[in-house]
Amino acid sequence: KSTLAPIVIGLFLLCSCNGQTKNDYQDYVYKKGDPNGIGKWYIGREI
């Protein structure tokens, strides 16, 4: 358990620092964009 903990923490930090997040179904990306958009993206297009 103590060996795996740093790996898990490292993966969490890596995912947290990539500037975007995905939903559970991996269909949508959330990131900043156009002020007239909602910050949710689908196949490269902001909604």
ModelCIF file with pLDDT and N, C-alpha, C, O atoms, coordinates in Angstrom:
data_MODEL
#
_entry.id   MODEL 
#
_entity.id                         1 
_entity.type                       polymer 
_entity.pdbx_number_of_molecules   1 
#
_entity_poly.entity_id                      1 
_entity_poly.type                           'polypeptide(L)' 
_entity_poly.nstd_linkage                   no 
_entity_poly.nstd_monomer                   no 
_entity_poly.pdbx_seq_one_letter_code       KSTLAPIVIGLFLLCSCNGQTKNDYQDYVYKKGDPNGIGKWYIGREI 
_entity_poly.pdbx_seq_one_letter_code_can   KSTLAPIVIGLFLLCSCNGQTKNDYQDYVYKKGDPNGIGKWYIGREI 
_entity_poly.pdbx_strand_id                 A 
#
loop_
_entity_poly_seq.entity_id 
_entity_poly_seq.num 
_entity_poly_seq.mon_id 
_entity_poly_seq.hetero 
1 1  LYS n 
1 2  SER n 
1 3  THR n 
1 4  LEU n 
1 5  ALA n 
1 6  PRO n 
1 7  ILE n 
1 8  VAL n 
1 9  ILE n 
1 10 GLY n 
1 11 LEU n 
1 12 PHE n 
1 13 LEU n 
1 14 LEU n 
1 15 CYS n 
1 16 SER n 
1 17 CYS n 
1 18 ASN n 
1 19 GLY n 
1 20 GLN n 
1 21 THR n 
1 22 LYS n 
1 23 ASN n 
1 24 ASP n 
1 25 TYR n 
1 26 GLN n 
1 27 ASP n 
1 28 TYR n 
1 29 VAL n 
1 30 TYR n 
1 31 LYS n 
1 32 LYS n 
1 33 GLY n 
1 34 ASP n 
1 35 PRO n 
1 36 ASN n 
1 37 GLY n 
1 38 ILE n 
1 39 GLY n 
1 40 LYS n 
1 41 TRP n 
1 42 TYR n 
1 43 ILE n 
1 44 GLY n 
1 45 ARG n 
1 46 GLU n 
1 47 ILE n 
#
_struct_asym.id          A 
_struct_asym.entity_id   1 
#
loop_
_ma_qa_metric.id 
_ma_qa_metric.mode 
_ma_qa_metric.name 
_ma_qa_metric.software_group_id 
_ma_qa_metric.type 
1 global pLDDT . pLDDT 
2 local  pLDDT . pLDDT 
#
_ma_qa_metric_global.metric_id      1 
_ma_qa_metric_global.metric_value   67.30 
_ma_qa_metric_global.model_id       1 
_ma_qa_metric_global.ordinal_id     1 
#
loop_
_ma_qa_metric_local.label_asym_id 
_ma_qa_metric_local.label_comp_id 
_ma_qa_metric_local.label_seq_id 
_ma_qa_metric_local.metric_id 
_ma_qa_metric_local.metric_value 
_ma_qa_metric_local.model_id 
_ma_qa_metric_local.ordinal_id 
A LYS 1  2 40.00 1 1  
A SER 2  2 42.00 1 2  
A THR 3  2 42.00 1 3  
A LEU 4  2 42.00 1 4  
A ALA 5  2 43.00 1 5  
A PRO 6  2 42.00 1 6  
A ILE 7  2 38.00 1 7  
A VAL 8  2 38.00 1 8  
A ILE 9  2 38.00 1 9  
A GLY 10 2 42.00 1 10 
A LEU 11 2 39.00 1 11 
A PHE 12 2 37.00 1 12 
A LEU 13 2 37.00 1 13 
A LEU 14 2 38.00 1 14 
A CYS 15 2 40.00 1 15 
A SER 16 2 39.00 1 16 
A CYS 17 2 41.00 1 17 
A ASN 18 2 44.00 1 18 
A GLY 19 2 49.00 1 19 
A GLN 20 2 52.00 1 20 
A THR 21 2 54.00 1 21 
A LYS 22 2 53.00 1 22 
A ASN 23 2 49.00 1 23 
A ASP 24 2 42.00 1 24 
A TYR 25 2 49.00 1 25 
A GLN 26 2 65.00 1 26 
A ASP 27 2 88.00 1 27 
A TYR 28 2 97.00 1 28 
A VAL 29 2 97.00 1 29 
A TYR 30 2 97.00 1 30 
A LYS 31 2 96.00 1 31 
A LYS 32 2 95.00 1 32 
A GLY 33 2 97.00 1 33 
A ASP 34 2 96.00 1 34 
A PRO 35 2 96.00 1 35 
A ASN 36 2 96.00 1 36 
A GLY 37 2 98.00 1 37 
A ILE 38 2 97.00 1 38 
A GLY 39 2 97.00 1 39 
A LYS 40 2 98.00 1 40 
A TRP 41 2 98.00 1 41 
A TYR 42 2 98.00 1 42 
A ILE 43 2 97.00 1 43 
A GLY 44 2 96.00 1 44 
A ARG 45 2 98.00 1 45 
A GLU 46 2 98.00 1 46 
A ILE 47 2 98.00 1 47 
#
loop_
_atom_site.group_PDB 
_atom_site.id 
_atom_site.type_symbol 
_atom_site.label_atom_id 
_atom_site.label_alt_id 
_atom_site.label_comp_id 
_atom_site.label_asym_id 
_atom_site.label_entity_id 
_atom_site.label_seq_id 
_atom_site.pdbx_PDB_ins_code 
_atom_site.Cartn_x 
_atom_site.Cartn_y 
_atom_site.Cartn_z 
_atom_site.occupancy 
_atom_site.B_iso_or_equiv 
_atom_site.pdbx_formal_charge 
_atom_site.auth_seq_id 
_atom_site.auth_comp_id 
_atom_site.auth_asym_id 
_atom_site.auth_atom_id 
_atom_site.pdbx_PDB_model_num 
ATOM 1   N N  . LYS A 1 1  ? 0.829   -1.206 0.000   1.00 40.00 ? 1  LYS A N  1 
ATOM 2   C CA . LYS A 1 1  ? 0.000   0.000  0.000   1.00 40.00 ? 1  LYS A CA 1 
ATOM 3   C C  . LYS A 1 1  ? 0.858   1.248  0.000   1.00 40.00 ? 1  LYS A C  1 
ATOM 4   O O  . LYS A 1 1  ? 0.554   2.201  -0.718  1.00 40.00 ? 1  LYS A O  1 
ATOM 5   N N  . SER A 1 2  ? 1.932   1.266  0.794   1.00 42.00 ? 2  SER A N  1 
ATOM 6   C CA . SER A 1 2  ? 2.778   2.447  0.865   1.00 42.00 ? 2  SER A CA 1 
ATOM 7   C C  . SER A 1 2  ? 3.544   2.649  -0.428  1.00 42.00 ? 2  SER A C  1 
ATOM 8   O O  . SER A 1 2  ? 3.904   3.781  -0.749  1.00 42.00 ? 2  SER A O  1 
ATOM 9   N N  . THR A 1 3  ? 3.809   1.578  -1.187  1.00 42.00 ? 3  THR A N  1 
ATOM 10  C CA . THR A 1 3  ? 4.510   1.696  -2.468  1.00 42.00 ? 3  THR A CA 1 
ATOM 11  C C  . THR A 1 3  ? 3.597   2.286  -3.531  1.00 42.00 ? 3  THR A C  1 
ATOM 12  O O  . THR A 1 3  ? 4.042   3.080  -4.359  1.00 42.00 ? 3  THR A O  1 
ATOM 13  N N  . LEU A 1 4  ? 2.330   1.907  -3.516  1.00 42.00 ? 4  LEU A N  1 
ATOM 14  C CA . LEU A 1 4  ? 1.387   2.378  -4.529  1.00 42.00 ? 4  LEU A CA 1 
ATOM 15  C C  . LEU A 1 4  ? 0.931   3.803  -4.291  1.00 42.00 ? 4  LEU A C  1 
ATOM 16  O O  . LEU A 1 4  ? 0.568   4.501  -5.238  1.00 42.00 ? 4  LEU A O  1 
ATOM 17  N N  . ALA A 1 5  ? 0.942   4.251  -3.039  1.00 43.00 ? 5  ALA A N  1 
ATOM 18  C CA . ALA A 1 5  ? 0.395   5.576  -2.717  1.00 43.00 ? 5  ALA A CA 1 
ATOM 19  C C  . ALA A 1 5  ? 1.037   6.697  -3.512  1.00 43.00 ? 5  ALA A C  1 
ATOM 20  O O  . ALA A 1 5  ? 0.304   7.518  -4.061  1.00 43.00 ? 5  ALA A O  1 
ATOM 21  N N  . PRO A 1 6  ? 2.383   6.790  -3.613  1.00 42.00 ? 6  PRO A N  1 
ATOM 22  C CA . PRO A 1 6  ? 2.984   7.883  -4.384  1.00 42.00 ? 6  PRO A CA 1 
ATOM 23  C C  . PRO A 1 6  ? 2.602   7.834  -5.859  1.00 42.00 ? 6  PRO A C  1 
ATOM 24  O O  . PRO A 1 6  ? 2.476   8.876  -6.502  1.00 42.00 ? 6  PRO A O  1 
ATOM 25  N N  . ILE A 1 7  ? 2.415   6.619  -6.405  1.00 38.00 ? 7  ILE A N  1 
ATOM 26  C CA . ILE A 1 7  ? 2.035   6.495  -7.808  1.00 38.00 ? 7  ILE A CA 1 
ATOM 27  C C  . ILE A 1 7  ? 0.635   7.054  -8.028  1.00 38.00 ? 7  ILE A C  1 
ATOM 28  O O  . ILE A 1 7  ? 0.387   7.798  -8.977  1.00 38.00 ? 7  ILE A O  1 
ATOM 29  N N  . VAL A 1 8  ? -0.281  6.679  -7.124  1.00 38.00 ? 8  VAL A N  1 
ATOM 30  C CA . VAL A 1 8  ? -1.661  7.162  -7.235  1.00 38.00 ? 8  VAL A CA 1 
ATOM 31  C C  . VAL A 1 8  ? -1.714  8.674  -7.121  1.00 38.00 ? 8  VAL A C  1 
ATOM 32  O O  . VAL A 1 8  ? -2.410  9.340  -7.889  1.00 38.00 ? 8  VAL A O  1 
ATOM 33  N N  . ILE A 1 9  ? -0.974  9.216  -6.158  1.00 38.00 ? 9  ILE A N  1 
ATOM 34  C CA . ILE A 1 9  ? -0.949  10.670 -5.970  1.00 38.00 ? 9  ILE A CA 1 
ATOM 35  C C  . ILE A 1 9  ? -0.379  11.348 -7.200  1.00 38.00 ? 9  ILE A C  1 
ATOM 36  O O  . ILE A 1 9  ? -0.884  12.383 -7.636  1.00 38.00 ? 9  ILE A O  1 
ATOM 37  N N  . GLY A 1 10 ? 0.683   10.763 -7.765  1.00 42.00 ? 10 GLY A N  1 
ATOM 38  C CA . GLY A 1 10 ? 1.301   11.350 -8.952  1.00 42.00 ? 10 GLY A CA 1 
ATOM 39  C C  . GLY A 1 10 ? 0.365   11.374 -10.135 1.00 42.00 ? 10 GLY A C  1 
ATOM 40  O O  . GLY A 1 10 ? 0.305   12.365 -10.862 1.00 42.00 ? 10 GLY A O  1 
ATOM 41  N N  . LEU A 1 11 ? -0.378  10.280 -10.338 1.00 39.00 ? 11 LEU A N  1 
ATOM 42  C CA . LEU A 1 11 ? -1.348  10.240 -11.429 1.00 39.00 ? 11 LEU A CA 1 
ATOM 43  C C  . LEU A 1 11 ? -2.445  11.266 -11.234 1.00 39.00 ? 11 LEU A C  1 
ATOM 44  O O  . LEU A 1 11 ? -2.871  11.906 -12.194 1.00 39.00 ? 11 LEU A O  1 
ATOM 45  N N  . PHE A 1 12 ? -2.913  11.434 -9.990  1.00 37.00 ? 12 PHE A N  1 
ATOM 46  C CA . PHE A 1 12 ? -3.939  12.432 -9.684  1.00 37.00 ? 12 PHE A CA 1 
ATOM 47  C C  . PHE A 1 12 ? -3.454  13.830 -10.017 1.00 37.00 ? 12 PHE A C  1 
ATOM 48  O O  . PHE A 1 12 ? -4.189  14.618 -10.614 1.00 37.00 ? 12 PHE A O  1 
ATOM 49  N N  . LEU A 1 13 ? -2.227  14.143 -9.638  1.00 37.00 ? 13 LEU A N  1 
ATOM 50  C CA . LEU A 1 13 ? -1.673  15.468 -9.911  1.00 37.00 ? 13 LEU A CA 1 
ATOM 51  C C  . LEU A 1 13 ? -1.500  15.695 -11.401 1.00 37.00 ? 13 LEU A C  1 
ATOM 52  O O  . LEU A 1 13 ? -1.735  16.798 -11.895 1.00 37.00 ? 13 LEU A O  1 
ATOM 53  N N  . LEU A 1 14 ? -1.086  14.647 -12.127 1.00 38.00 ? 14 LEU A N  1 
ATOM 54  C CA . LEU A 1 14 ? -0.921  14.771 -13.569 1.00 38.00 ? 14 LEU A CA 1 
ATOM 55  C C  . LEU A 1 14 ? -2.231  15.093 -14.248 1.00 38.00 ? 14 LEU A C  1 
ATOM 56  O O  . LEU A 1 14 ? -2.292  15.965 -15.115 1.00 38.00 ? 14 LEU A O  1 
ATOM 57  N N  . CYS A 1 15 ? -3.298  14.380 -13.849 1.00 40.00 ? 15 CYS A N  1 
ATOM 58  C CA . CYS A 1 15 ? -4.617  14.624 -14.442 1.00 40.00 ? 15 CYS A CA 1 
ATOM 59  C C  . CYS A 1 15 ? -5.157  15.998 -14.067 1.00 40.00 ? 15 CYS A C  1 
ATOM 60  O O  . CYS A 1 15 ? -5.875  16.626 -14.846 1.00 40.00 ? 15 CYS A O  1 
ATOM 61  N N  . SER A 1 16 ? -4.807  16.465 -12.861 1.00 39.00 ? 16 SER A N  1 
ATOM 62  C CA . SER A 1 16 ? -5.336  17.744 -12.388 1.00 39.00 ? 16 SER A CA 1 
ATOM 63  C C  . SER A 1 16 ? -4.664  18.931 -13.055 1.00 39.00 ? 16 SER A C  1 
ATOM 64  O O  . SER A 1 16 ? -5.195  20.041 -13.045 1.00 39.00 ? 16 SER A O  1 
ATOM 65  N N  . CYS A 1 17 ? -3.487  18.693 -13.639 1.00 41.00 ? 17 CYS A N  1 
ATOM 66  C CA . CYS A 1 17 ? -2.725  19.830 -14.176 1.00 41.00 ? 17 CYS A CA 1 
ATOM 67  C C  . CYS A 1 17 ? -2.785  19.923 -15.692 1.00 41.00 ? 17 CYS A C  1 
ATOM 68  O O  . CYS A 1 17 ? -2.088  20.756 -16.271 1.00 41.00 ? 17 CYS A O  1 
ATOM 69  N N  . ASN A 1 18 ? -3.597  19.095 -16.365 1.00 44.00 ? 18 ASN A N  1 
ATOM 70  C CA . ASN A 1 18 ? -3.579  19.125 -17.821 1.00 44.00 ? 18 ASN A CA 1 
ATOM 71  C C  . ASN A 1 18 ? -4.526  20.152 -18.409 1.00 44.00 ? 18 ASN A C  1 
ATOM 72  O O  . ASN A 1 18 ? -4.643  20.234 -19.632 1.00 44.00 ? 18 ASN A O  1 
ATOM 73  N N  . GLY A 1 19 ? -5.213  20.944 -17.582 1.00 49.00 ? 19 GLY A N  1 
ATOM 74  C CA . GLY A 1 19 ? -6.027  22.061 -18.055 1.00 49.00 ? 19 GLY A CA 1 
ATOM 75  C C  . GLY A 1 19 ? -7.408  21.680 -18.519 1.00 49.00 ? 19 GLY A C  1 
ATOM 76  O O  . GLY A 1 19 ? -8.160  22.550 -18.959 1.00 49.00 ? 19 GLY A O  1 
ATOM 77  N N  . GLN A 1 20 ? -7.778  20.405 -18.441 1.00 52.00 ? 20 GLN A N  1 
ATOM 78  C CA . GLN A 1 20 ? -9.119  20.014 -18.842 1.00 52.00 ? 20 GLN A CA 1 
ATOM 79  C C  . GLN A 1 20 ? -9.510  18.742 -18.105 1.00 52.00 ? 20 GLN A C  1 
ATOM 80  O O  . GLN A 1 20 ? -8.660  17.982 -17.641 1.00 52.00 ? 20 GLN A O  1 
ATOM 81  N N  . THR A 1 21 ? -10.812 18.533 -18.010 1.00 54.00 ? 21 THR A N  1 
ATOM 82  C CA . THR A 1 21 ? -11.324 17.323 -17.375 1.00 54.00 ? 21 THR A CA 1 
ATOM 83  C C  . THR A 1 21 ? -12.384 16.721 -18.269 1.00 54.00 ? 21 THR A C  1 
ATOM 84  O O  . THR A 1 21 ? -12.968 17.407 -19.107 1.00 54.00 ? 21 THR A O  1 
ATOM 85  N N  . LYS A 1 22 ? -12.635 15.412 -18.084 1.00 53.00 ? 22 LYS A N  1 
ATOM 86  C CA . LYS A 1 22 ? -13.659 14.729 -18.853 1.00 53.00 ? 22 LYS A CA 1 
ATOM 87  C C  . LYS A 1 22 ? -14.718 14.178 -17.914 1.00 53.00 ? 22 LYS A C  1 
ATOM 88  O O  . LYS A 1 22 ? -14.464 13.953 -16.731 1.00 53.00 ? 22 LYS A O  1 
ATOM 89  N N  . ASN A 1 23 ? -15.916 13.962 -18.462 1.00 49.00 ? 23 ASN A N  1 
ATOM 90  C CA . ASN A 1 23 ? -16.972 13.395 -17.637 1.00 49.00 ? 23 ASN A CA 1 
ATOM 91  C C  . ASN A 1 23 ? -16.802 11.881 -17.556 1.00 49.00 ? 23 ASN A C  1 
ATOM 92  O O  . ASN A 1 23 ? -15.884 11.320 -18.155 1.00 49.00 ? 23 ASN A O  1 
ATOM 93  N N  . ASP A 1 24 ? -17.687 11.227 -16.815 1.00 42.00 ? 24 ASP A N  1 
ATOM 94  C CA . ASP A 1 24 ? -17.553 9.794  -16.582 1.00 42.00 ? 24 ASP A CA 1 
ATOM 95  C C  . ASP A 1 24 ? -17.632 8.980  -17.867 1.00 42.00 ? 24 ASP A C  1 
ATOM 96  O O  . ASP A 1 24 ? -17.023 7.914  -17.959 1.00 42.00 ? 24 ASP A O  1 
ATOM 97  N N  . TYR A 1 25 ? -18.373 9.466  -18.858 1.00 49.00 ? 25 TYR A N  1 
ATOM 98  C CA . TYR A 1 25 ? -18.548 8.713  -20.086 1.00 49.00 ? 25 TYR A CA 1 
ATOM 99  C C  . TYR A 1 25 ? -17.473 9.044  -21.126 1.00 49.00 ? 25 TYR A C  1 
ATOM 100 O O  . TYR A 1 25 ? -17.492 8.496  -22.228 1.00 49.00 ? 25 TYR A O  1 
ATOM 101 N N  . GLN A 1 26 ? -16.551 9.923  -20.789 1.00 65.00 ? 26 GLN A N  1 
ATOM 102 C CA . GLN A 1 26 ? -15.443 10.281 -21.688 1.00 65.00 ? 26 GLN A CA 1 
ATOM 103 C C  . GLN A 1 26 ? -15.928 10.908 -22.998 1.00 65.00 ? 26 GLN A C  1 
ATOM 104 O O  . GLN A 1 26 ? -15.219 10.856 -24.004 1.00 65.00 ? 26 GLN A O  1 
ATOM 105 N N  . ASP A 1 27 ? -17.111 11.492 -22.998 1.00 88.00 ? 27 ASP A N  1 
ATOM 106 C CA . ASP A 1 27 ? -17.653 12.104 -24.204 1.00 88.00 ? 27 ASP A CA 1 
ATOM 107 C C  . ASP A 1 27 ? -17.389 13.603 -24.263 1.00 88.00 ? 27 ASP A C  1 
ATOM 108 O O  . ASP A 1 27 ? -17.250 14.169 -25.347 1.00 88.00 ? 27 ASP A O  1 
ATOM 109 N N  . TYR A 1 28 ? -17.321 14.238 -23.119 1.00 97.00 ? 28 TYR A N  1 
ATOM 110 C CA . TYR A 1 28 ? -17.243 15.689 -23.073 1.00 97.00 ? 28 TYR A CA 1 
ATOM 111 C C  . TYR A 1 28 ? -15.989 16.151 -22.333 1.00 97.00 ? 28 TYR A C  1 
ATOM 112 O O  . TYR A 1 28 ? -15.549 15.525 -21.369 1.00 97.00 ? 28 TYR A O  1 
ATOM 113 N N  . VAL A 1 29 ? -15.436 17.246 -22.803 1.00 97.00 ? 29 VAL A N  1 
ATOM 114 C CA . VAL A 1 29 ? -14.265 17.870 -22.187 1.00 97.00 ? 29 VAL A CA 1 
ATOM 115 C C  . VAL A 1 29 ? -14.692 19.215 -21.623 1.00 97.00 ? 29 VAL A C  1 
ATOM 116 O O  . VAL A 1 29 ? -15.445 19.952 -22.259 1.00 97.00 ? 29 VAL A O  1 
ATOM 117 N N  . TYR A 1 30 ? -14.215 19.528 -20.442 1.00 97.00 ? 30 TYR A N  1 
ATOM 118 C CA . TYR A 1 30 ? -14.547 20.796 -19.787 1.00 97.00 ? 30 TYR A CA 1 
ATOM 119 C C  . TYR A 1 30 ? -13.282 21.638 -19.686 1.00 97.00 ? 30 TYR A C  1 
ATOM 120 O O  . TYR A 1 30 ? -12.296 21.224 -19.076 1.00 97.00 ? 30 TYR A O  1 
ATOM 121 N N  . LYS A 1 31 ? -13.317 22.817 -20.286 1.00 96.00 ? 31 LYS A N  1 
ATOM 122 C CA . LYS A 1 31 ? -12.179 23.735 -20.232 1.00 96.00 ? 31 LYS A CA 1 
ATOM 123 C C  . LYS A 1 31 ? -12.656 25.126 -20.617 1.00 96.00 ? 31 LYS A C  1 
ATOM 124 O O  . LYS A 1 31 ? -13.749 25.283 -21.162 1.00 96.00 ? 31 LYS A O  1 
ATOM 125 N N  . LYS A 1 32 ? -11.858 26.115 -20.342 1.00 95.00 ? 32 LYS A N  1 
ATOM 126 C CA . LYS A 1 32 ? -12.217 27.491 -20.677 1.00 95.00 ? 32 LYS A CA 1 
ATOM 127 C C  . LYS A 1 32 ? -12.183 27.681 -22.183 1.00 95.00 ? 32 LYS A C  1 
ATOM 128 O O  . LYS A 1 32 ? -11.401 27.052 -22.896 1.00 95.00 ? 32 LYS A O  1 
ATOM 129 N N  . GLY A 1 33 ? -13.063 28.573 -22.649 1.00 97.00 ? 33 GLY A N  1 
ATOM 130 C CA . GLY A 1 33 ? -13.123 28.829 -24.081 1.00 97.00 ? 33 GLY A CA 1 
ATOM 131 C C  . GLY A 1 33 ? -13.731 30.185 -24.361 1.00 97.00 ? 33 GLY A C  1 
ATOM 132 O O  . GLY A 1 33 ? -13.380 31.178 -23.724 1.00 97.00 ? 33 GLY A O  1 
ATOM 133 N N  . ASP A 1 34 ? -14.634 30.223 -25.308 1.00 96.00 ? 34 ASP A N  1 
ATOM 134 C CA . ASP A 1 34 ? -15.311 31.450 -25.716 1.00 96.00 ? 34 ASP A CA 1 
ATOM 135 C C  . ASP A 1 34 ? -16.215 31.936 -24.577 1.00 96.00 ? 34 ASP A C  1 
ATOM 136 O O  . ASP A 1 34 ? -16.880 31.119 -23.941 1.00 96.00 ? 34 ASP A O  1 
ATOM 137 N N  . PRO A 1 35 ? -16.253 33.242 -24.306 1.00 96.00 ? 35 PRO A N  1 
ATOM 138 C CA . PRO A 1 35 ? -17.144 33.750 -23.250 1.00 96.00 ? 35 PRO A CA 1 
ATOM 139 C C  . PRO A 1 35 ? -18.622 33.486 -23.540 1.00 96.00 ? 35 PRO A C  1 
ATOM 140 O O  . PRO A 1 35 ? -19.448 33.528 -22.629 1.00 96.00 ? 35 PRO A O  1 
ATOM 141 N N  . ASN A 1 36 ? -18.957 33.217 -24.796 1.00 96.00 ? 36 ASN A N  1 
ATOM 142 C CA . ASN A 1 36 ? -20.336 32.898 -25.150 1.00 96.00 ? 36 ASN A CA 1 
ATOM 143 C C  . ASN A 1 36 ? -20.605 31.396 -25.129 1.00 96.00 ? 36 ASN A C  1 
ATOM 144 O O  . ASN A 1 36 ? -21.699 30.947 -25.469 1.00 96.00 ? 36 ASN A O  1 
ATOM 145 N N  . GLY A 1 37 ? -19.601 30.629 -24.729 1.00 98.00 ? 37 GLY A N  1 
ATOM 146 C CA . GLY A 1 37 ? -19.758 29.191 -24.614 1.00 98.00 ? 37 GLY A CA 1 
ATOM 147 C C  . GLY A 1 37 ? -19.910 28.778 -23.167 1.00 98.00 ? 37 GLY A C  1 
ATOM 148 O O  . GLY A 1 37 ? -19.769 29.604 -22.265 1.00 98.00 ? 37 GLY A O  1 
ATOM 149 N N  . ILE A 1 38 ? -20.199 27.500 -22.935 1.00 97.00 ? 38 ILE A N  1 
ATOM 150 C CA . ILE A 1 38 ? -20.452 27.016 -21.569 1.00 97.00 ? 38 ILE A CA 1 
ATOM 151 C C  . ILE A 1 38 ? -19.235 26.303 -20.978 1.00 97.00 ? 38 ILE A C  1 
ATOM 152 O O  . ILE A 1 38 ? -19.311 25.765 -19.874 1.00 97.00 ? 38 ILE A O  1 
ATOM 153 N N  . GLY A 1 39 ? -18.111 26.294 -21.706 1.00 97.00 ? 39 GLY A N  1 
ATOM 154 C CA . GLY A 1 39 ? -16.923 25.631 -21.192 1.00 97.00 ? 39 GLY A CA 1 
ATOM 155 C C  . GLY A 1 39 ? -16.981 24.118 -21.296 1.00 97.00 ? 39 GLY A C  1 
ATOM 156 O O  . GLY A 1 39 ? -16.218 23.415 -20.634 1.00 97.00 ? 39 GLY A O  1 
ATOM 157 N N  . LYS A 1 40 ? -17.883 23.618 -22.124 1.00 98.00 ? 40 LYS A N  1 
ATOM 158 C CA . LYS A 1 40 ? -18.039 22.178 -22.343 1.00 98.00 ? 40 LYS A CA 1 
ATOM 159 C C  . LYS A 1 40 ? -17.857 21.913 -23.832 1.00 98.00 ? 40 LYS A C  1 
ATOM 160 O O  . LYS A 1 40 ? -18.469 22.581 -24.665 1.00 98.00 ? 40 LYS A O  1 
ATOM 161 N N  . TRP A 1 41 ? -17.015 20.937 -24.166 1.00 98.00 ? 41 TRP A N  1 
ATOM 162 C CA . TRP A 1 41 ? -16.629 20.684 -25.545 1.00 98.00 ? 41 TRP A CA 1 
ATOM 163 C C  . TRP A 1 41 ? -17.022 19.283 -25.971 1.00 98.00 ? 41 TRP A C  1 
ATOM 164 O O  . TRP A 1 41 ? -16.963 18.338 -25.184 1.00 98.00 ? 41 TRP A O  1 
ATOM 165 N N  . TYR A 1 42 ? -17.429 19.162 -27.246 1.00 98.00 ? 42 TYR A N  1 
ATOM 166 C CA . TYR A 1 42 ? -17.772 17.867 -27.819 1.00 98.00 ? 42 TYR A CA 1 
ATOM 167 C C  . TYR A 1 42 ? -17.099 17.733 -29.180 1.00 98.00 ? 42 TYR A C  1 
ATOM 168 O O  . TYR A 1 42 ? -17.359 18.523 -30.088 1.00 98.00 ? 42 TYR A O  1 
ATOM 169 N N  . ILE A 1 43 ? -16.249 16.747 -29.317 1.00 97.00 ? 43 ILE A N  1 
ATOM 170 C CA . ILE A 1 43 ? -15.490 16.490 -30.553 1.00 97.00 ? 43 ILE A CA 1 
ATOM 171 C C  . ILE A 1 43 ? -14.826 17.773 -31.043 1.00 97.00 ? 43 ILE A C  1 
ATOM 172 O O  . ILE A 1 43 ? -14.876 18.089 -32.231 1.00 97.00 ? 43 ILE A O  1 
ATOM 173 N N  . GLY A 1 44 ? -14.213 18.498 -30.136 1.00 96.00 ? 44 GLY A N  1 
ATOM 174 C CA . GLY A 1 44 ? -13.450 19.682 -30.496 1.00 96.00 ? 44 GLY A CA 1 
ATOM 175 C C  . GLY A 1 44 ? -14.249 20.959 -30.662 1.00 96.00 ? 44 GLY A C  1 
ATOM 176 O O  . GLY A 1 44 ? -13.685 21.985 -31.041 1.00 96.00 ? 44 GLY A O  1 
ATOM 177 N N  . ARG A 1 45 ? -15.542 20.928 -30.390 1.00 98.00 ? 45 ARG A N  1 
ATOM 178 C CA . ARG A 1 45 ? -16.397 22.118 -30.528 1.00 98.00 ? 45 ARG A CA 1 
ATOM 179 C C  . ARG A 1 45 ? -16.949 22.519 -29.171 1.00 98.00 ? 45 ARG A C  1 
ATOM 180 O O  . ARG A 1 45 ? -17.454 21.683 -28.422 1.00 98.00 ? 45 ARG A O  1 
ATOM 181 N N  . GLU A 1 46 ? -16.847 23.819 -28.857 1.00 98.00 ? 46 GLU A N  1 
ATOM 182 C CA . GLU A 1 46 ? -17.440 24.295 -27.609 1.00 98.00 ? 46 GLU A CA 1 
ATOM 183 C C  . GLU A 1 46 ? -18.933 24.510 -27.790 1.00 98.00 ? 46 GLU A C  1 
ATOM 184 O O  . GLU A 1 46 ? -19.374 25.081 -28.788 1.00 98.00 ? 46 GLU A O  1 
ATOM 185 N N  . ILE A 1 47 ? -19.700 24.051 -26.823 1.00 98.00 ? 47 ILE A N  1 
ATOM 186 C CA . ILE A 1 47 ? -21.154 24.209 -26.839 1.00 98.00 ? 47 ILE A CA 1 
ATOM 187 C C  . ILE A 1 47 ? -21.510 25.635 -26.422 1.00 98.00 ? 47 ILE A C  1 
ATOM 188 O O  . ILE A 1 47 ? -22.689 25.986 -26.368 1.00 98.00 ? 47 ILE A O  1 
#
